[in-house]
Amino acid sequence: MISFDILLNAFVTLFVTIDPIGNAPLFLGLTVGLEAARRRRIAIRGTVIAFGVLTLFALTGTAALAQDTLPQHVIHHAAFGVE
C-alpha cells in the first residue's frame, strides 16, 4: 500500500505545479463577460487537457529522458546559455 508520505508529496508537488490559486485570477480575467455555463465548460476542458499532458509525461517522461539522444554540449548550452 502507498504510504501517506508519498501521497502527500505527490499532492503537494502537483498543487505547486498547477498553482490553482495563482491561475484563478488569470482564468477569471480571460473569461470575463462569459456566462457561467461556458466558463464551466472551458474550465473542465482545460483541466482534462492538463491532466492528459501531466499523465503522458508521468508515464513516458522517464523513458524519454533515458534515451539520452541529445549531446551533452547541447544540454549545457540550453541550460546555461554558454558554449
Protein backbone atom coordinates (compact mmCIF):
# COMPACT_ATOMS: atom_id res chain seq x y z
CA MET A 1 0.00 0.00 0.00
CA ILE A 2 1.19 3.52 -0.78
CA SER A 3 2.20 5.44 2.32
CA PHE A 4 0.66 8.71 3.37
CA ASP A 5 4.01 10.49 2.95
CA ILE A 6 4.23 9.53 -0.73
CA LEU A 7 0.64 10.62 -1.39
CA LEU A 8 1.17 13.92 0.41
CA ASN A 9 4.40 14.53 -1.51
CA ALA A 10 2.67 13.83 -4.84
CA PHE A 11 -0.27 16.08 -3.95
CA VAL A 12 1.92 18.99 -2.87
CA THR A 13 4.08 18.65 -5.99
CA LEU A 14 1.05 18.72 -8.29
CA PHE A 15 -0.58 21.54 -6.33
CA VAL A 16 2.53 23.70 -6.65
CA THR A 17 2.94 22.80 -10.33
CA ILE A 18 -0.66 23.56 -11.27
CA ASP A 19 -0.94 26.62 -8.97
CA PRO A 20 -4.75 26.89 -8.85
CA ILE A 21 -4.65 29.93 -6.55
CA GLY A 22 -2.37 31.83 -8.90
CA ASN A 23 -4.26 30.77 -12.04
CA ALA A 24 -7.75 31.63 -10.76
CA PRO A 25 -7.43 35.41 -11.35
CA LEU A 26 -5.97 34.78 -14.79
CA PHE A 27 -8.84 32.47 -15.71
CA LEU A 28 -11.44 34.91 -14.38
CA GLY A 29 -9.83 37.78 -16.26
CA LEU A 30 -9.74 35.87 -19.54
CA THR A 31 -13.33 34.70 -19.27
CA VAL A 32 -14.92 37.96 -18.09
CA GLY A 33 -18.28 38.51 -19.74
CA LEU A 34 -18.94 34.84 -20.46
CA GLU A 35 -21.92 33.07 -18.96
CA ALA A 36 -21.31 30.61 -16.14
CA ALA A 37 -22.03 27.51 -18.23
CA ARG A 38 -19.44 28.49 -20.84
CA ARG A 39 -16.87 29.25 -18.13
CA ARG A 40 -17.51 25.83 -16.61
CA ARG A 41 -17.02 24.10 -19.98
CA ILE A 42 -13.76 25.97 -20.56
CA ALA A 43 -12.51 25.09 -17.07
CA ILE A 44 -13.38 21.41 -17.48
CA ARG A 45 -11.76 21.24 -20.91
CA GLY A 46 -8.59 22.89 -19.61
CA THR A 47 -8.49 20.52 -16.65
CA VAL A 48 -8.87 17.45 -18.87
CA ILE A 49 -6.13 18.65 -21.23
CA ALA A 50 -3.76 19.44 -18.33
CA PHE A 51 -4.46 16.05 -16.77
CA GLY A 52 -3.71 14.34 -20.08
CA VAL A 53 -0.42 16.18 -20.54
CA LEU A 54 0.70 15.50 -16.95
CA THR A 55 -0.30 11.84 -17.25
CA LEU A 56 1.52 11.47 -20.57
CA PHE A 57 4.73 12.89 -19.14
CA ALA A 58 4.36 10.91 -15.91
CA LEU A 59 4.13 7.68 -17.91
CA THR A 60 6.67 8.39 -20.63
CA GLY A 61 8.96 11.08 -19.20
CA THR A 62 11.50 8.78 -17.62
CA ALA A 63 11.76 6.63 -20.73
CA ALA A 64 12.13 9.69 -22.96
CA LEU A 65 14.87 11.13 -20.77
CA ALA A 66 16.63 7.76 -20.62
CA GLN A 67 17.11 7.80 -24.40
CA ASP A 68 19.92 10.32 -23.96
CA THR A 69 19.77 11.34 -27.61
CA LEU A 70 20.97 14.91 -27.11
CA PRO A 71 24.70 15.54 -26.93
CA GLN A 72 25.93 16.90 -23.61
CA HIS A 73 27.04 20.24 -25.09
CA VAL A 74 23.52 20.91 -26.40
CA ILE A 75 22.01 20.32 -22.97
CA HIS A 76 24.65 22.53 -21.36
CA HIS A 77 24.02 25.31 -23.87
CA ALA A 78 20.25 25.14 -23.32
CA ALA A 79 20.63 25.15 -19.55
CA PHE A 80 23.32 27.79 -19.15
CA GLY A 81 23.31 29.73 -22.41
CA VAL A 82 27.02 29.29 -22.97
CA GLU A 83 29.01 27.10 -25.28
